[in-house]
C-alpha atoms as a PDB file:
ATOM      1  CA  MET A   1      94.549  82.640 100.416  1.00  0.00           C
ATOM      2  CA  GLU A   2      98.136  82.314 101.606  1.00  0.00           C
ATOM      3  CA  ARG A   3      98.876  82.693 105.271  1.00  0.00           C
ATOM      4  CA  ASP A   4     101.596  85.180 106.214  1.00  0.00           C
ATOM      5  CA  THR A   5     104.217  83.156 108.075  1.00  0.00           C
ATOM      6  CA  ARG A   6     106.752  85.942 108.520  1.00  0.00           C
ATOM      7  CA  GLN A   7     107.731  86.797 112.062  1.00  0.00           C
ATOM      8  CA  LYS A   8     105.888  89.897 113.256  1.00  0.00           C
ATOM      9  CA  ALA A   9     107.265  92.569 115.548  1.00  0.00           C
ATOM     10  CA  GLU A  10     106.182  92.608 119.151  1.00  0.00           C
ATOM     11  CA  LEU A  11     105.611  95.944 120.800  1.00  0.00           C
ATOM     12  CA  SER A  12     107.078  96.741 124.192  1.00  0.00           C
ATOM     13  CA  LEU A  13     106.774  99.524 126.725  1.00  0.00           C
ATOM     14  CA  LEU A  14     109.698 101.836 127.288  1.00  0.00           C
ATOM     15  CA  GLU A  15     109.698 104.570 129.926  1.00  0.00           C
ATOM     16  CA  ALA A  16     112.124 107.424 129.356  1.00  0.00           C
ATOM     17  CA  ASP A  17     112.116 110.745 131.197  1.00  0.00           C
ATOM     18  CA  ASP A  18     108.543 110.242 132.483  1.00  0.00           C
ATOM     19  CA  THR A  19     107.299 109.470 128.968  1.00  0.00           C
ATOM     20  CA  LYS A  20     105.647 106.127 128.208  1.00  0.00           C
ATOM     21  CA  ILE A  21     106.581 104.959 124.726  1.00  0.00           C
ATOM     22  CA  VAL A  22     105.464 101.859 122.855  1.00  0.00           C
ATOM     23  CA  GLU A  23     108.365 100.598 120.741  1.00  0.00           C
ATOM     24  CA  GLY A  24     108.471  98.211 117.795  1.00  0.00           C
ATOM     25  CA  GLN A  25     111.296  95.816 116.965  1.00  0.00           C
ATOM     26  CA  PRO A  26     113.863  96.814 114.345  1.00  0.00           C
ATOM     27  CA  GLY A  27     113.715  94.886 111.083  1.00  0.00           C
ATOM     28  CA  LEU A  28     110.382  93.150 111.680  1.00  0.00           C
ATOM     29  CA  PRO A  29     106.989  93.994 110.149  1.00  0.00           C
ATOM     30  CA  PHE A  30     104.140  95.064 112.406  1.00  0.00           C
ATOM     31  CA  MET A  31     101.609  96.832 110.181  1.00  0.00           C
ATOM     32  CA  SER A  32     100.522  95.041 107.027  1.00  0.00           C
ATOM     33  CA  SER A  33      97.714  97.535 106.345  1.00  0.00           C
ATOM     34  CA  THR A  34      96.441 100.844 107.662  1.00  0.00           C
ATOM     35  CA  GLY A  35      93.865  98.865 109.665  1.00  0.00           C
ATOM     36  CA  ASP A  36      96.701  97.740 111.909  1.00  0.00           C
ATOM     37  CA  THR A  37      96.768 101.272 113.310  1.00  0.00           C
ATOM     38  CA  ASN A  38      93.979 100.028 115.581  1.00  0.00           C
ATOM     39  CA  ARG A  39      96.283  97.301 116.946  1.00  0.00           C
ATOM     40  CA  LEU A  40      98.908  99.942 117.627  1.00  0.00           C
ATOM     41  CA  LEU A  41      96.360 102.148 119.414  1.00  0.00           C
ATOM     42  CA  GLU A  42      95.217  99.188 121.532  1.00  0.00           C
ATOM     43  CA  GLU A  43      98.786  98.692 122.734  1.00  0.00           C
ATOM     44  CA  LEU A  44      99.203 102.394 123.438  1.00  0.00           C
ATOM     45  CA  PHE A  45      95.966 102.516 125.440  1.00  0.00           C
ATOM     46  CA  PHE A  46      96.839  99.314 127.328  1.00  0.00           C
ATOM     47  CA  TYR A  47     100.161 100.795 128.465  1.00  0.00           C
ATOM     48  CA  GLN A  48      98.697 104.313 128.853  1.00  0.00           C
ATOM     49  CA  ALA A  49     101.457 105.516 126.532  1.00  0.00           C
ATOM     50  CA  GLU A  50     101.445 108.822 124.691  1.00  0.00           C
ATOM     51  CA  ALA A  51     104.049 108.081 122.054  1.00  0.00           C
ATOM     52  CA  THR A  52     105.351 105.336 119.813  1.00  0.00           C
ATOM     53  CA  LEU A  53     108.747 104.609 118.338  1.00  0.00           C
ATOM     54  CA  LEU A  54     108.610 102.470 115.220  1.00  0.00           C
ATOM     55  CA  TYR A  55     111.167 101.373 112.659  1.00  0.00           C
ATOM     56  CA  ALA A  56     110.669 101.598 108.898  1.00  0.00           C
ATOM     57  CA  ALA A  57     110.106  97.830 108.703  1.00  0.00           C
ATOM     58  CA  ASN A  58     107.265  98.097 111.275  1.00  0.00           C
ATOM     59  CA  LEU A  59     105.207 100.293 108.940  1.00  0.00           C
ATOM     60  CA  THR A  60     103.012  99.360 105.987  1.00  0.00           C
ATOM     61  CA  GLY A  61     104.783  98.554 102.731  1.00  0.00           C
ATOM     62  CA  ALA A  62     103.708 101.774 101.032  1.00  0.00           C
ATOM     63  CA  PHE A  63     103.965 104.150 104.007  1.00  0.00           C
ATOM     64  CA  PHE A  64     106.811 106.104 102.387  1.00  0.00           C
ATOM     65  CA  ASP A  65     104.930 106.404  99.061  1.00  0.00           C
ATOM     66  CA  LEU A  66     102.711 109.415  99.659  1.00  0.00           C
ATOM     67  CA  SER A  67     100.452 108.557  96.709  1.00  0.00           C
ATOM     68  CA  SER A  68      99.286 105.397  98.528  1.00  0.00           C
ATOM     69  CA  GLY A  69      97.577 107.464 101.213  1.00  0.00           C
ATOM     70  CA  GLU A  70      98.825 105.068 103.893  1.00  0.00           C
ATOM     71  CA  ALA A  71     101.014 107.589 105.720  1.00  0.00           C
ATOM     72  CA  GLY A  72      98.213 110.153 105.761  1.00  0.00           C
ATOM     73  CA  GLU A  73      95.662 107.689 107.091  1.00  0.00           C
ATOM     74  CA  ILE A  74      97.952 106.361 109.831  1.00  0.00           C
ATOM     75  CA  LEU A  75      99.171 109.798 110.905  1.00  0.00           C
ATOM     76  CA  HIS A  76      95.644 111.207 110.939  1.00  0.00           C
ATOM     77  CA  LYS A  77      94.393 108.468 113.238  1.00  0.00           C
ATOM     78  CA  LEU A  78      97.333 108.825 115.622  1.00  0.00           C
ATOM     79  CA  ARG A  79      96.888 112.599 115.675  1.00  0.00           C
ATOM     80  CA  LEU A  80      93.204 112.204 116.609  1.00  0.00           C
ATOM     81  CA  TYR A  81      94.342 110.471 119.788  1.00  0.00           C
ATOM     82  CA  ARG A  82      97.281 112.867 120.324  1.00  0.00           C
ATOM     83  CA  ILE A  83      99.810 110.084 119.860  1.00  0.00           C
ATOM     84  CA  ARG A  84     103.288 111.148 118.782  1.00  0.00           C
ATOM     85  CA  LEU A  85     105.154 108.937 116.307  1.00  0.00           C
ATOM     86  CA  ALA A  86     108.910 108.779 115.819  1.00  0.00           C
ATOM     87  CA  VAL A  87     110.219 106.551 113.027  1.00  0.00           C
ATOM     88  CA  VAL A  88     113.776 105.324 112.735  1.00  0.00           C
ATOM     89  CA  TRP A  89     114.620 105.299 109.018  1.00  0.00           C
ATOM     90  CA  ARG A  90     118.089 104.416 107.829  1.00  0.00           C
ATOM     91  CA  PRO A  91     119.648 104.405 104.371  1.00  0.00           C
ATOM     92  CA  GLY A  92     118.633 101.142 102.755  1.00  0.00           C
ATOM     93  CA  ASP A  93     115.117 101.272 104.231  1.00  0.00           C
ATOM     94  CA  PRO A  94     112.242 101.719 101.752  1.00  0.00           C
ATOM     95  CA  PRO A  95     112.836 104.869  99.703  1.00  0.00           C
ATOM     96  CA  TRP A  96     110.647 107.939 100.047  1.00  0.00           C
ATOM     97  CA  SER A  97     108.506 109.026  97.152  1.00  0.00           C
ATOM     98  CA  SER A  98     109.273 112.515  95.879  1.00  0.00           C
ATOM     99  CA  ARG A  99     106.107 113.843  97.520  1.00  0.00           C
ATOM    100  CA  PHE A 100     106.887 112.250 100.912  1.00  0.00           C
ATOM    101  CA  GLY A 101     109.481 114.978 101.451  1.00  0.00           C
ATOM    102  CA  GLU A 102     106.663 117.521 101.191  1.00  0.00           C
ATOM    103  CA  LEU A 103     104.802 115.718 103.968  1.00  0.00           C
ATOM    104  CA  MET A 104     107.909 115.827 106.139  1.00  0.00           C
ATOM    105  CA  ALA A 105     108.329 119.566 105.530  1.00  0.00           C
ATOM    106  CA  GLU A 106     104.721 120.090 106.616  1.00  0.00           C
ATOM    107  CA  GLU A 107     105.127 117.864 109.667  1.00  0.00           C
ATOM    108  CA  GLN A 108     108.158 119.816 110.893  1.00  0.00           C
ATOM    109  CA  ARG A 109     105.719 122.548 111.921  1.00  0.00           C
ATOM    110  CA  SER A 110     104.078 120.197 114.439  1.00  0.00           C
ATOM    111  CA  ASP A 111     105.405 117.822 117.034  1.00  0.00           C
ATOM    112  CA  HIS A 112     103.337 114.756 116.141  1.00  0.00           C
ATOM    113  CA  PHE A 113     105.595 112.968 113.654  1.00  0.00           C
ATOM    114  CA  GLY A 114     109.305 112.818 113.031  1.00  0.00           C
ATOM    115  CA  ILE A 115     111.814 110.630 111.198  1.00  0.00           C
ATOM    116  CA  PHE A 116     115.254 110.001 112.649  1.00  0.00           C
ATOM    117  CA  GLU A 117     118.392 108.107 111.663  1.00  0.00           C
ATOM    118  CA  THR A 118     118.955 106.631 115.129  1.00  0.00           C
ATOM    119  CA  ARG A 119     116.901 105.252 117.982  1.00  0.00           C
ATOM    120  CA  GLU A 120     118.652 107.654 120.348  1.00  0.00           C
ATOM    121  CA  ALA A 121     117.641 110.704 118.289  1.00  0.00           C
ATOM    122  CA  ALA A 122     114.048 109.460 118.111  1.00  0.00           C
ATOM    123  CA  LEU A 123     113.910 108.936 121.873  1.00  0.00           C
ATOM    124  CA  ALA A 124     115.395 112.362 122.529  1.00  0.00           C
ATOM    125  CA  TRP A 125     112.676 113.946 120.370  1.00  0.00           C
ATOM    126  CA  LEU A 126     109.883 111.937 122.021  1.00  0.00           C
ATOM    127  CA  THR A 127     110.981 112.819 125.550  1.00  0.00           C
ATOM    128  CA  VAL A 128     111.254 116.578 125.099  1.00  0.00           C
ATOM    129  CA  THR A 129     108.718 118.297 127.348  1.00  0.00           C
ATOM    130  CA  ARG A 130     105.903 119.675 125.230  1.00  0.00           C
ATOM    131  CA  GLU A 131     103.648 122.571 126.049  1.00  0.00           C
ATOM    132  CA  PRO A 132     100.065 121.414 126.521  1.00  0.00           C
ATOM    133  CA  PRO A 133      97.743 122.583 123.735  1.00  0.00           C
ATOM    134  CA  SER A 134      95.830 125.771 124.553  1.00  0.00           C
END
């Protein structure tokens, strides 16, 4: 078995407008499988954060291919813990499968997951005051 020697993203805490956000590093992998969602949750719990800002490269290799099931599994687990996820995706990042657009249309009805072209747009979305669930 080959050992993965690529540099991995570190996660850091960012506080913006009274919101604690765990942020990945642009251009570096963090999740190599859906099991790494647990590592992400550990960081979120450690920092008592309620949101995460990741970059396309931080996600699993097939996250944007809806048929892999990876996006669904990751988003489901984060939703169980009421963790909001903003992803910065830029042209040139892994392409979306045709069905991934359907997921995004569905997700626009909630405030748990969003994809943005810039870090600033992602942060603005994460720091908007949300109504507590009734």
